[in-house]
Amino acid sequence: MTVRHLISTDDLTDDELRHVVNRGDDFSSGRAALDLPLAGQIAGIYFRKTSTRTRTAFSAGALRLGAQIVAYGPDDLQLNTGETSEDTGAVFSRMLDVLVARTAGDPVEMRAWASQDRMSVINAMSSAEHPTQAVTDLVTLQRHFGKIEGLRLLYVGEGNNSAASIALAATRYAGVHLELRTPPGYGLDPEIAARAAAHAARCGAVVIERHDMDDLPDELDAIYTTRWQTTGTTKPDANWRDIFAPFQVNLALWDQNPQAIFLHDLPAHRGEEVTAEILDGPMSIAFDQAENKMHGAMAVLDWCRRGIME
């Protein structure tokens, strides 16, 4: 038996990433028959941090695939009284088939839960990465453009876990040009940036990170941002809003890219990282993107559990 986990985007091979994205596209379009691959299985949904889209997406997705769910809040587990992560994972694995967890903490904890051979573990957001968000983003791009290869993408804002995951995922597609404009001192983790650059070199993509908003690329297909106040993090600079202000997504970005669509992983703070005229405007497909969280979640659950059954 093969127990599959998705803790880092890099847990997926290139072919597996494409398979999961294509499967999410099929779920989103209605082409995928719901053959209930999780029938008779139990999914644990453990969210230590707040969530609207991801928690609902995995809960609804697991139910639609035939599973039953057990939900845990931040104060429900004996982890709070000193039980080790390894012991928690060992016990969970004897009762659950899959654990979907949001911690906003070190992914090492999730790796400890995954150190058993029965239960799949899915990262619904750690401090380092948000891999299921990257699946959502790629499903959304593929649904809109019919492809991912060759797209020109601009990410604006903090080099947070969502930025890390899209950098690790989009660079697997040939011809993609991904440019990240992150505030000085708030860029991608160097290790993540190096991995993304290696993917790009191997797959024929381009990834560039700069810390200003000068000389922006044109002929963009999509412009993407996330909120400035990421769940579970604080800013070391008291004047961080001044540092971030030039990186607001507003209509000026569409002057040279009128054809570009807008993406946002939500929740959004209108007037901070994005203006209302963009988020609520005709260029925005952010709420289609939010819906695709469920379709992406279903694709990830399907991939994890079919690995057990194959």
C-alpha atoms as a PDB file:
ATOM      1  CA  MET A   1       0.000   0.000   0.000  1.00  0.00           C
ATOM      2  CA  THR A   2       1.103   3.549  -0.692  1.00  0.00           C
ATOM      3  CA  VAL A   3       0.202   6.255   1.816  1.00  0.00           C
ATOM      4  CA  ARG A   4       0.256   9.629   0.086  1.00  0.00           C
ATOM      5  CA  HIS A   5       0.684  12.904   1.935  1.00  0.00           C
ATOM      6  CA  LEU A   6       0.574  16.494   0.707  1.00  0.00           C
ATOM      7  CA  ILE A   7       2.543  18.581   3.172  1.00  0.00           C
ATOM      8  CA  SER A   8       4.729  20.462   0.694  1.00  0.00           C
ATOM      9  CA  THR A   9       3.917  21.283  -2.903  1.00  0.00           C
ATOM     10  CA  ASP A  10       7.109  19.404  -3.680  1.00  0.00           C
ATOM     11  CA  ASP A  11       5.562  16.195  -2.346  1.00  0.00           C
ATOM     12  CA  LEU A  12       3.947  16.045  -5.788  1.00  0.00           C
ATOM     13  CA  THR A  13       6.004  15.046  -8.801  1.00  0.00           C
ATOM     14  CA  ASP A  14       5.451  17.067 -11.976  1.00  0.00           C
ATOM     15  CA  ASP A  15       3.104  14.386 -13.317  1.00  0.00           C
ATOM     16  CA  GLU A  16       1.236  14.123 -10.020  1.00  0.00           C
ATOM     17  CA  LEU A  17       0.776  17.898  -9.852  1.00  0.00           C
ATOM     18  CA  ARG A  18      -0.696  17.899 -13.356  1.00  0.00           C
ATOM     19  CA  HIS A  19      -2.932  14.968 -12.471  1.00  0.00           C
ATOM     20  CA  VAL A  20      -4.292  16.701  -9.367  1.00  0.00           C
ATOM     21  CA  VAL A  21      -4.856  19.993 -11.219  1.00  0.00           C
ATOM     22  CA  ASN A  22      -6.563  18.206 -14.112  1.00  0.00           C
ATOM     23  CA  ARG A  23      -8.730  16.298 -11.655  1.00  0.00           C
ATOM     24  CA  GLY A  24      -9.695  19.561  -9.930  1.00  0.00           C
ATOM     25  CA  ASP A  25     -10.539  21.010 -13.342  1.00  0.00           C
ATOM     26  CA  ASP A  26     -12.736  17.993 -14.020  1.00  0.00           C
ATOM     27  CA  PHE A  27     -14.537  18.410 -10.700  1.00  0.00           C
ATOM     28  CA  SER A  28     -14.981  22.146 -11.323  1.00  0.00           C
ATOM     29  CA  SER A  29     -16.372  21.644 -14.821  1.00  0.00           C
ATOM     30  CA  GLY A  30     -18.660  18.784 -13.826  1.00  0.00           C
ATOM     31  CA  ARG A  31     -16.848  16.349 -16.122  1.00  0.00           C
ATOM     32  CA  ALA A  32     -15.752  14.104 -13.242  1.00  0.00           C
ATOM     33  CA  ALA A  33     -18.190  11.438 -12.181  1.00  0.00           C
ATOM     34  CA  LEU A  34     -18.515  11.307  -8.411  1.00  0.00           C
ATOM     35  CA  ASP A  35     -17.739   7.612  -7.869  1.00  0.00           C
ATOM     36  CA  LEU A  36     -17.395   8.195  -4.107  1.00  0.00           C
ATOM     37  CA  PRO A  37     -13.736   7.163  -3.733  1.00  0.00           C
ATOM     38  CA  LEU A  38     -13.888   8.021  -0.015  1.00  0.00           C
ATOM     39  CA  ALA A  39     -17.002   5.965   0.736  1.00  0.00           C
ATOM     40  CA  GLY A  40     -16.672   4.327   4.127  1.00  0.00           C
ATOM     41  CA  GLN A  41     -13.681   6.475   5.097  1.00  0.00           C
ATOM     42  CA  ILE A  42     -13.281   9.022   7.894  1.00  0.00           C
ATOM     43  CA  ALA A  43     -11.635  12.404   7.392  1.00  0.00           C
ATOM     44  CA  GLY A  44     -10.354  14.357  10.371  1.00  0.00           C
ATOM     45  CA  ILE A  45     -10.551  18.137   9.908  1.00  0.00           C
ATOM     46  CA  TYR A  46      -8.225  19.822  12.417  1.00  0.00           C
ATOM     47  CA  PHE A  47      -8.004  23.611  12.235  1.00  0.00           C
ATOM     48  CA  ARG A  48      -5.921  25.359  14.849  1.00  0.00           C
ATOM     49  CA  LYS A  49      -6.342  28.709  13.052  1.00  0.00           C
ATOM     50  CA  THR A  50      -9.352  30.461  11.571  1.00  0.00           C
ATOM     51  CA  SER A  51     -10.580  29.406   8.158  1.00  0.00           C
ATOM     52  CA  THR A  52     -13.629  30.027   6.014  1.00  0.00           C
ATOM     53  CA  ARG A  53     -12.782  28.691   2.554  1.00  0.00           C
ATOM     54  CA  THR A  54     -10.271  25.921   3.210  1.00  0.00           C
ATOM     55  CA  ARG A  55     -12.137  24.321   6.104  1.00  0.00           C
ATOM     56  CA  THR A  56     -15.447  24.445   4.254  1.00  0.00           C
ATOM     57  CA  ALA A  57     -13.803  23.231   1.041  1.00  0.00           C
ATOM     58  CA  PHE A  58     -12.309  20.127   2.636  1.00  0.00           C
ATOM     59  CA  SER A  59     -15.384  19.388   4.738  1.00  0.00           C
ATOM     60  CA  ALA A  60     -17.785  19.733   1.812  1.00  0.00           C
ATOM     61  CA  GLY A  61     -15.359  18.016  -0.568  1.00  0.00           C
ATOM     62  CA  ALA A  62     -14.873  15.008   1.710  1.00  0.00           C
ATOM     63  CA  LEU A  63     -18.630  14.648   2.141  1.00  0.00           C
ATOM     64  CA  ARG A  64     -19.201  14.881  -1.616  1.00  0.00           C
ATOM     65  CA  LEU A  65     -16.634  12.116  -2.136  1.00  0.00           C
ATOM     66  CA  GLY A  66     -18.450   9.841   0.291  1.00  0.00           C
ATOM     67  CA  ALA A  67     -16.446  10.294   3.497  1.00  0.00           C
ATOM     68  CA  GLN A  68     -17.691  11.155   6.941  1.00  0.00           C
ATOM     69  CA  ILE A  69     -15.856  13.843   8.872  1.00  0.00           C
ATOM     70  CA  VAL A  70     -14.716  14.443  12.434  1.00  0.00           C
ATOM     71  CA  ALA A  71     -13.891  18.093  13.145  1.00  0.00           C
ATOM     72  CA  TYR A  72     -11.442  19.350  15.767  1.00  0.00           C
ATOM     73  CA  GLY A  73     -10.888  22.879  17.011  1.00  0.00           C
ATOM     74  CA  PRO A  74      -7.709  24.411  18.421  1.00  0.00           C
ATOM     75  CA  ASP A  75      -8.404  23.337  22.023  1.00  0.00           C
ATOM     76  CA  ASP A  76      -9.717  19.812  21.432  1.00  0.00           C
ATOM     77  CA  LEU A  77      -6.589  17.636  21.353  1.00  0.00           C
ATOM     78  CA  GLN A  78      -4.175  16.371  23.974  1.00  0.00           C
ATOM     79  CA  LEU A  79      -1.420  18.085  22.036  1.00  0.00           C
ATOM     80  CA  ASN A  80      -2.339  21.012  24.287  1.00  0.00           C
ATOM     81  CA  THR A  81      -1.393  18.988  27.374  1.00  0.00           C
ATOM     82  CA  GLY A  82       1.971  17.773  26.087  1.00  0.00           C
ATOM     83  CA  GLU A  83       1.234  14.662  24.004  1.00  0.00           C
ATOM     84  CA  THR A  84       3.825  14.316  21.263  1.00  0.00           C
ATOM     85  CA  SER A  85       2.960  14.850  17.636  1.00  0.00           C
ATOM     86  CA  GLU A  86       4.188  11.341  16.848  1.00  0.00           C
ATOM     87  CA  ASP A  87       1.823   9.799  19.412  1.00  0.00           C
ATOM     88  CA  THR A  88      -1.064  11.909  18.145  1.00  0.00           C
ATOM     89  CA  GLY A  89      -0.418  10.804  14.564  1.00  0.00           C
ATOM     90  CA  ALA A  90      -0.108   7.156  15.574  1.00  0.00           C
ATOM     91  CA  VAL A  91      -3.465   7.246  17.368  1.00  0.00           C
ATOM     92  CA  PHE A  92      -5.205   9.225  14.627  1.00  0.00           C
ATOM     93  CA  SER A  93      -3.954   6.748  12.019  1.00  0.00           C
ATOM     94  CA  ARG A  94      -5.772   3.902  13.769  1.00  0.00           C
ATOM     95  CA  MET A  95      -9.109   5.735  13.587  1.00  0.00           C
ATOM     96  CA  LEU A  96      -8.915   8.129  10.641  1.00  0.00           C
ATOM     97  CA  ASP A  97      -8.131   7.581   6.982  1.00  0.00           C
ATOM     98  CA  VAL A  98      -7.038  11.135   6.260  1.00  0.00           C
ATOM     99  CA  LEU A  99      -6.164  14.155   8.403  1.00  0.00           C
ATOM    100  CA  VAL A 100      -6.532  17.658   6.971  1.00  0.00           C
ATOM    101  CA  ALA A 101      -4.753  20.137   9.227  1.00  0.00           C
ATOM    102  CA  ARG A 102      -4.191  23.881   9.414  1.00  0.00           C
ATOM    103  CA  THR A 103      -1.640  24.897  12.015  1.00  0.00           C
ATOM    104  CA  ALA A 104       0.078  28.021  10.606  1.00  0.00           C
ATOM    105  CA  GLY A 105       3.122  26.505  12.316  1.00  0.00           C
ATOM    106  CA  ASP A 106       6.222  24.545  11.395  1.00  0.00           C
ATOM    107  CA  PRO A 107       5.420  21.760   8.887  1.00  0.00           C
ATOM    108  CA  VAL A 108       7.738  19.485  10.888  1.00  0.00           C
ATOM    109  CA  GLU A 109       4.706  18.813  13.102  1.00  0.00           C
ATOM    110  CA  MET A 110       2.721  17.557  10.118  1.00  0.00           C
ATOM    111  CA  ARG A 111       5.644  15.363   9.072  1.00  0.00           C
ATOM    112  CA  ALA A 112       5.489  13.808  12.535  1.00  0.00           C
ATOM    113  CA  TRP A 113       1.784  13.041  12.057  1.00  0.00           C
ATOM    114  CA  ALA A 114       2.682  11.491   8.723  1.00  0.00           C
ATOM    115  CA  SER A 115       5.259   9.120  10.245  1.00  0.00           C
ATOM    116  CA  GLN A 116       2.900   6.134  10.060  1.00  0.00           C
ATOM    117  CA  ASP A 117       1.709   3.921   7.214  1.00  0.00           C
ATOM    118  CA  ARG A 118      -2.080   4.159   7.418  1.00  0.00           C
ATOM    119  CA  MET A 119      -3.387   7.725   7.324  1.00  0.00           C
ATOM    120  CA  SER A 120      -2.824  10.440   4.726  1.00  0.00           C
ATOM    121  CA  VAL A 121      -1.915  13.914   6.020  1.00  0.00           C
ATOM    122  CA  ILE A 122      -2.830  17.048   4.052  1.00  0.00           C
ATOM    123  CA  ASN A 123      -1.410  20.479   4.818  1.00  0.00           C
ATOM    124  CA  ALA A 124      -4.280  22.958   4.829  1.00  0.00           C
ATOM    125  CA  MET A 125      -1.783  25.711   5.696  1.00  0.00           C
ATOM    126  CA  SER A 126       1.495  25.819   7.566  1.00  0.00           C
ATOM    127  CA  SER A 127       3.793  28.742   8.147  1.00  0.00           C
ATOM    128  CA  ALA A 128       5.987  27.765   5.198  1.00  0.00           C
ATOM    129  CA  GLU A 129       3.538  26.626   2.535  1.00  0.00           C
ATOM    130  CA  HIS A 130      -0.113  26.430   1.547  1.00  0.00           C
ATOM    131  CA  PRO A 131       0.024  23.663  -1.081  1.00  0.00           C
ATOM    132  CA  THR A 132      -3.713  23.200  -1.530  1.00  0.00           C
ATOM    133  CA  GLN A 133      -4.001  26.919  -2.293  1.00  0.00           C
ATOM    134  CA  ALA A 134      -1.544  26.420  -5.158  1.00  0.00           C
ATOM    135  CA  VAL A 135      -3.713  23.586  -6.474  1.00  0.00           C
ATOM    136  CA  THR A 136      -6.710  25.920  -6.278  1.00  0.00           C
ATOM    137  CA  ASP A 137      -4.826  28.667  -8.121  1.00  0.00           C
ATOM    138  CA  LEU A 138      -3.721  26.361 -10.923  1.00  0.00           C
ATOM    139  CA  VAL A 139      -7.196  24.849 -11.292  1.00  0.00           C
ATOM    140  CA  THR A 140      -8.577  28.383 -11.571  1.00  0.00           C
ATOM    141  CA  LEU A 141      -6.032  29.399 -14.214  1.00  0.00           C
ATOM    142  CA  GLN A 142      -6.600  26.234 -16.203  1.00  0.00           C
ATOM    143  CA  ARG A 143     -10.369  26.643 -16.053  1.00  0.00           C
ATOM    144  CA  HIS A 144     -10.103  30.237 -17.275  1.00  0.00           C
ATOM    145  CA  PHE A 145      -7.385  29.940 -19.928  1.00  0.00           C
ATOM    146  CA  GLY A 146      -7.660  26.267 -20.852  1.00  0.00           C
ATOM    147  CA  LYS A 147      -3.973  25.832 -20.065  1.00  0.00           C
ATOM    148  CA  ILE A 148      -1.216  26.882 -17.680  1.00  0.00           C
ATOM    149  CA  GLU A 149       1.766  26.533 -19.991  1.00  0.00           C
ATOM    150  CA  GLY A 150       3.002  29.862 -21.302  1.00  0.00           C
ATOM    151  CA  LEU A 151       0.997  32.092 -18.951  1.00  0.00           C
ATOM    152  CA  ARG A 152       2.483  35.371 -17.741  1.00  0.00           C
ATOM    153  CA  LEU A 153       1.757  35.853 -14.043  1.00  0.00           C
ATOM    154  CA  LEU A 154       2.455  38.687 -11.628  1.00  0.00           C
ATOM    155  CA  TYR A 155       2.285  38.151  -7.878  1.00  0.00           C
ATOM    156  CA  VAL A 156       2.275  41.325  -5.761  1.00  0.00           C
ATOM    157  CA  GLY A 157       2.636  41.353  -1.972  1.00  0.00           C
ATOM    158  CA  GLU A 158       4.262  39.472   0.866  1.00  0.00           C
ATOM    159  CA  GLY A 159       6.294  36.366   0.080  1.00  0.00           C
ATOM    160  CA  ASN A 160       4.055  34.337   2.385  1.00  0.00           C
ATOM    161  CA  ASN A 161       2.953  30.702   2.328  1.00  0.00           C
ATOM    162  CA  SER A 162       0.551  31.226  -0.590  1.00  0.00           C
ATOM    163  CA  ALA A 163       3.274  32.978  -2.598  1.00  0.00           C
ATOM    164  CA  ALA A 164       5.682  30.147  -1.770  1.00  0.00           C
ATOM    165  CA  SER A 165       3.299  27.496  -2.999  1.00  0.00           C
ATOM    166  CA  ILE A 166       2.357  29.205  -6.270  1.00  0.00           C
ATOM    167  CA  ALA A 167       6.080  29.729  -6.912  1.00  0.00           C
ATOM    168  CA  LEU A 168       6.747  26.019  -6.339  1.00  0.00           C
ATOM    169  CA  ALA A 169       3.798  24.963  -8.506  1.00  0.00           C
ATOM    170  CA  ALA A 170       3.546  27.346 -11.465  1.00  0.00           C
ATOM    171  CA  THR A 171       7.261  26.927 -12.254  1.00  0.00           C
ATOM    172  CA  ARG A 172       6.588  23.270 -13.146  1.00  0.00           C
ATOM    173  CA  TYR A 173       4.798  24.364 -16.340  1.00  0.00           C
ATOM    174  CA  ALA A 174       6.797  25.099 -19.481  1.00  0.00           C
ATOM    175  CA  GLY A 175       6.794  28.676 -20.684  1.00  0.00           C
ATOM    176  CA  VAL A 176       5.299  30.152 -17.533  1.00  0.00           C
ATOM    177  CA  HIS A 177       6.722  33.558 -16.635  1.00  0.00           C
ATOM    178  CA  LEU A 178       6.123  34.232 -12.946  1.00  0.00           C
ATOM    179  CA  GLU A 179       7.237  37.552 -11.541  1.00  0.00           C
ATOM    180  CA  LEU A 180       6.957  38.245  -7.827  1.00  0.00           C
ATOM    181  CA  ARG A 181       7.108  41.801  -6.501  1.00  0.00           C
ATOM    182  CA  THR A 182       7.508  41.580  -2.737  1.00  0.00           C
ATOM    183  CA  PRO A 183       8.209  44.367  -0.217  1.00  0.00           C
ATOM    184  CA  PRO A 184      11.840  44.670   0.910  1.00  0.00           C
ATOM    185  CA  GLY A 185      12.367  42.397   3.877  1.00  0.00           C
ATOM    186  CA  TYR A 186       9.192  40.416   3.106  1.00  0.00           C
ATOM    187  CA  GLY A 187      10.229  38.262   0.180  1.00  0.00           C
ATOM    188  CA  LEU A 188      10.159  34.543  -0.379  1.00  0.00           C
ATOM    189  CA  ASP A 189      12.139  32.390   1.992  1.00  0.00           C
ATOM    190  CA  PRO A 190      15.518  31.890   0.250  1.00  0.00           C
ATOM    191  CA  GLU A 191      15.178  28.113   0.380  1.00  0.00           C
ATOM    192  CA  ILE A 192      11.749  28.296  -1.280  1.00  0.00           C
ATOM    193  CA  ALA A 193      13.077  30.718  -3.888  1.00  0.00           C
ATOM    194  CA  ALA A 194      15.940  28.356  -4.696  1.00  0.00           C
ATOM    195  CA  ARG A 195      13.583  25.409  -5.114  1.00  0.00           C
ATOM    196  CA  ALA A 196      11.291  27.438  -7.382  1.00  0.00           C
ATOM    197  CA  ALA A 197      14.264  28.536  -9.478  1.00  0.00           C
ATOM    198  CA  ALA A 198      15.381  24.912  -9.818  1.00  0.00           C
ATOM    199  CA  HIS A 199      11.898  23.897 -10.992  1.00  0.00           C
ATOM    200  CA  ALA A 200      11.869  26.738 -13.510  1.00  0.00           C
ATOM    201  CA  ALA A 201      15.285  25.797 -14.903  1.00  0.00           C
ATOM    202  CA  ARG A 202      14.254  22.160 -15.215  1.00  0.00           C
ATOM    203  CA  CYS A 203      10.816  22.774 -16.736  1.00  0.00           C
ATOM    204  CA  GLY A 204      11.493  25.725 -19.030  1.00  0.00           C
ATOM    205  CA  ALA A 205       9.756  28.383 -16.942  1.00  0.00           C
ATOM    206  CA  VAL A 206      10.960  31.746 -15.634  1.00  0.00           C
ATOM    207  CA  VAL A 207      10.675  33.020 -12.058  1.00  0.00           C
ATOM    208  CA  ILE A 208      11.847  36.486 -11.026  1.00  0.00           C
ATOM    209  CA  GLU A 209      11.556  38.216  -7.654  1.00  0.00           C
ATOM    210  CA  ARG A 210      12.075  41.938  -7.133  1.00  0.00           C
ATOM    211  CA  HIS A 211      11.391  44.219  -4.180  1.00  0.00           C
ATOM    212  CA  ASP A 212      10.004  47.255  -5.996  1.00  0.00           C
ATOM    213  CA  MET A 213       7.183  48.131  -8.373  1.00  0.00           C
ATOM    214  CA  ASP A 214       9.317  49.616 -11.146  1.00  0.00           C
ATOM    215  CA  ASP A 215       9.414  48.357 -14.742  1.00  0.00           C
ATOM    216  CA  LEU A 216       6.518  45.958 -14.339  1.00  0.00           C
ATOM    217  CA  PRO A 217       6.058  43.358 -17.078  1.00  0.00           C
ATOM    218  CA  ASP A 218       3.304  43.835 -19.606  1.00  0.00           C
ATOM    219  CA  GLU A 219       1.075  41.447 -21.551  1.00  0.00           C
ATOM    220  CA  LEU A 220       0.213  39.784 -18.257  1.00  0.00           C
ATOM    221  CA  ASP A 221      -2.454  37.105 -18.100  1.00  0.00           C
ATOM    222  CA  ALA A 222      -3.092  37.298 -14.358  1.00  0.00           C
ATOM    223  CA  ILE A 223      -2.258  39.520 -11.389  1.00  0.00           C
ATOM    224  CA  TYR A 224      -2.438  37.895  -7.962  1.00  0.00           C
ATOM    225  CA  THR A 225      -2.222  39.202  -4.427  1.00  0.00           C
ATOM    226  CA  THR A 226      -2.933  38.027  -0.894  1.00  0.00           C
ATOM    227  CA  ARG A 227      -3.837  39.954   2.219  1.00  0.00           C
ATOM    228  CA  TRP A 228      -1.050  41.739   3.986  1.00  0.00           C
ATOM    229  CA  GLN A 229      -1.892  40.353   7.428  1.00  0.00           C
ATOM    230  CA  THR A 230      -1.341  36.642   6.925  1.00  0.00           C
ATOM    231  CA  THR A 231      -2.941  34.231   9.399  1.00  0.00           C
ATOM    232  CA  GLY A 232      -0.668  33.398  12.300  1.00  0.00           C
ATOM    233  CA  THR A 233       2.077  35.894  11.516  1.00  0.00           C
ATOM    234  CA  THR A 234       3.182  39.273  12.801  1.00  0.00           C
ATOM    235  CA  LYS A 235       5.353  41.928  11.146  1.00  0.00           C
ATOM    236  CA  PRO A 236       8.730  42.812  12.684  1.00  0.00           C
ATOM    237  CA  ASP A 237       8.506  46.425  11.483  1.00  0.00           C
ATOM    238  CA  ALA A 238       6.204  48.859  13.274  1.00  0.00           C
ATOM    239  CA  ASN A 239       5.907  50.834  10.028  1.00  0.00           C
ATOM    240  CA  TRP A 240       5.164  47.805   7.876  1.00  0.00           C
ATOM    241  CA  ARG A 241       2.096  49.420   6.310  1.00  0.00           C
ATOM    242  CA  ASP A 242       4.305  52.139   4.842  1.00  0.00           C
ATOM    243  CA  ILE A 243       6.606  49.469   3.417  1.00  0.00           C
ATOM    244  CA  PHE A 244       3.681  47.599   1.879  1.00  0.00           C
ATOM    245  CA  ALA A 245       1.758  50.626   0.546  1.00  0.00           C
ATOM    246  CA  PRO A 246       3.499  50.768  -2.879  1.00  0.00           C
ATOM    247  CA  PHE A 247       2.503  47.134  -3.447  1.00  0.00           C
ATOM    248  CA  GLN A 248      -1.246  47.719  -3.450  1.00  0.00           C
ATOM    249  CA  VAL A 249      -3.079  46.208  -6.407  1.00  0.00           C
ATOM    250  CA  ASN A 250      -5.122  48.967  -8.037  1.00  0.00           C
ATOM    251  CA  LEU A 251      -6.324  50.133 -11.440  1.00  0.00           C
ATOM    252  CA  ALA A 252      -2.906  51.490 -12.394  1.00  0.00           C
ATOM    253  CA  LEU A 253      -1.733  47.904 -12.906  1.00  0.00           C
ATOM    254  CA  TRP A 254      -4.381  47.439 -15.598  1.00  0.00           C
ATOM    255  CA  ASP A 255      -3.309  50.458 -17.647  1.00  0.00           C
ATOM    256  CA  GLN A 256      -0.762  48.319 -19.463  1.00  0.00           C
ATOM    257  CA  ASN A 257      -2.499  44.981 -18.882  1.00  0.00           C
ATOM    258  CA  PRO A 258      -6.210  45.564 -19.594  1.00  0.00           C
ATOM    259  CA  GLN A 259      -6.684  41.917 -20.506  1.00  0.00           C
ATOM    260  CA  ALA A 260      -5.344  40.548 -17.215  1.00  0.00           C
ATOM    261  CA  ILE A 261      -7.548  38.750 -14.702  1.00  0.00           C
ATOM    262  CA  PHE A 262      -7.271  39.256 -10.952  1.00  0.00           C
ATOM    263  CA  LEU A 263      -6.732  36.520  -8.372  1.00  0.00           C
ATOM    264  CA  HIS A 264      -6.861  36.714  -4.580  1.00  0.00           C
ATOM    265  CA  ASP A 265      -6.808  33.818  -2.122  1.00  0.00           C
ATOM    266  CA  LEU A 266      -9.208  35.669   0.243  1.00  0.00           C
ATOM    267  CA  PRO A 267     -10.120  36.967   2.737  1.00  0.00           C
ATOM    268  CA  ALA A 268      -9.451  40.413   1.312  1.00  0.00           C
ATOM    269  CA  HIS A 269      -9.078  43.780   2.992  1.00  0.00           C
ATOM    270  CA  ARG A 270     -10.390  46.289   0.472  1.00  0.00           C
ATOM    271  CA  GLY A 271      -8.308  49.435   0.533  1.00  0.00           C
ATOM    272  CA  GLU A 272      -5.195  47.645   1.777  1.00  0.00           C
ATOM    273  CA  GLU A 273      -3.679  45.044  -0.545  1.00  0.00           C
ATOM    274  CA  VAL A 274      -6.356  45.605  -3.205  1.00  0.00           C
ATOM    275  CA  THR A 275      -8.873  48.300  -4.028  1.00  0.00           C
ATOM    276  CA  ALA A 276     -12.575  47.546  -4.168  1.00  0.00           C
ATOM    277  CA  GLU A 277     -12.752  48.496  -7.854  1.00  0.00           C
ATOM    278  CA  ILE A 278     -10.387  45.610  -8.624  1.00  0.00           C
ATOM    279  CA  LEU A 279     -11.715  42.931  -6.264  1.00  0.00           C
ATOM    280  CA  ASP A 280     -15.322  43.680  -7.229  1.00  0.00           C
ATOM    281  CA  GLY A 281     -14.578  44.613 -10.833  1.00  0.00           C
ATOM    282  CA  PRO A 282     -14.970  42.673 -14.089  1.00  0.00           C
ATOM    283  CA  MET A 283     -11.329  41.568 -14.082  1.00  0.00           C
ATOM    284  CA  SER A 284     -11.733  39.692 -10.792  1.00  0.00           C
ATOM    285  CA  ILE A 285     -12.330  35.958 -10.689  1.00  0.00           C
ATOM    286  CA  ALA A 286     -11.437  35.737  -6.995  1.00  0.00           C
ATOM    287  CA  PHE A 287     -14.772  34.217  -6.038  1.00  0.00           C
ATOM    288  CA  ASP A 288     -14.537  31.594  -8.780  1.00  0.00           C
ATOM    289  CA  GLN A 289     -11.111  30.910  -7.296  1.00  0.00           C
ATOM    290  CA  ALA A 290     -12.722  30.527  -3.860  1.00  0.00           C
ATOM    291  CA  GLU A 291     -15.222  27.997  -5.234  1.00  0.00           C
ATOM    292  CA  ASN A 292     -12.349  26.077  -6.796  1.00  0.00           C
ATOM    293  CA  LYS A 293     -10.960  25.535  -3.296  1.00  0.00           C
ATOM    294  CA  MET A 294     -13.538  22.786  -2.930  1.00  0.00           C
ATOM    295  CA  HIS A 295     -12.762  21.256  -6.321  1.00  0.00           C
ATOM    296  CA  GLY A 296      -9.034  21.400  -5.584  1.00  0.00           C
ATOM    297  CA  ALA A 297      -9.613  19.880  -2.148  1.00  0.00           C
ATOM    298  CA  MET A 298     -11.584  17.045  -3.713  1.00  0.00           C
ATOM    299  CA  ALA A 299      -8.766  16.416  -6.180  1.00  0.00           C
ATOM    300  CA  VAL A 300      -6.188  16.282  -3.366  1.00  0.00           C
ATOM    301  CA  LEU A 301      -8.343  13.960  -1.251  1.00  0.00           C
ATOM    302  CA  ASP A 302      -8.957  11.749  -4.272  1.00  0.00           C
ATOM    303  CA  TRP A 303      -5.228  11.564  -5.073  1.00  0.00           C
ATOM    304  CA  CYS A 304      -4.238  10.792  -1.483  1.00  0.00           C
ATOM    305  CA  ARG A 305      -6.778   8.042  -0.928  1.00  0.00           C
ATOM    306  CA  ARG A 306      -6.568   6.390  -4.347  1.00  0.00           C
ATOM    307  CA  GLY A 307      -2.896   5.854  -3.565  1.00  0.00           C
ATOM    308  CA  ILE A 308      -3.989   3.572  -0.737  1.00  0.00           C
ATOM    309  CA  MET A 309      -6.393   1.616  -2.898  1.00  0.00           C
ATOM    310  CA  GLU A 310      -4.234   1.180  -6.011  1.00  0.00           C
END
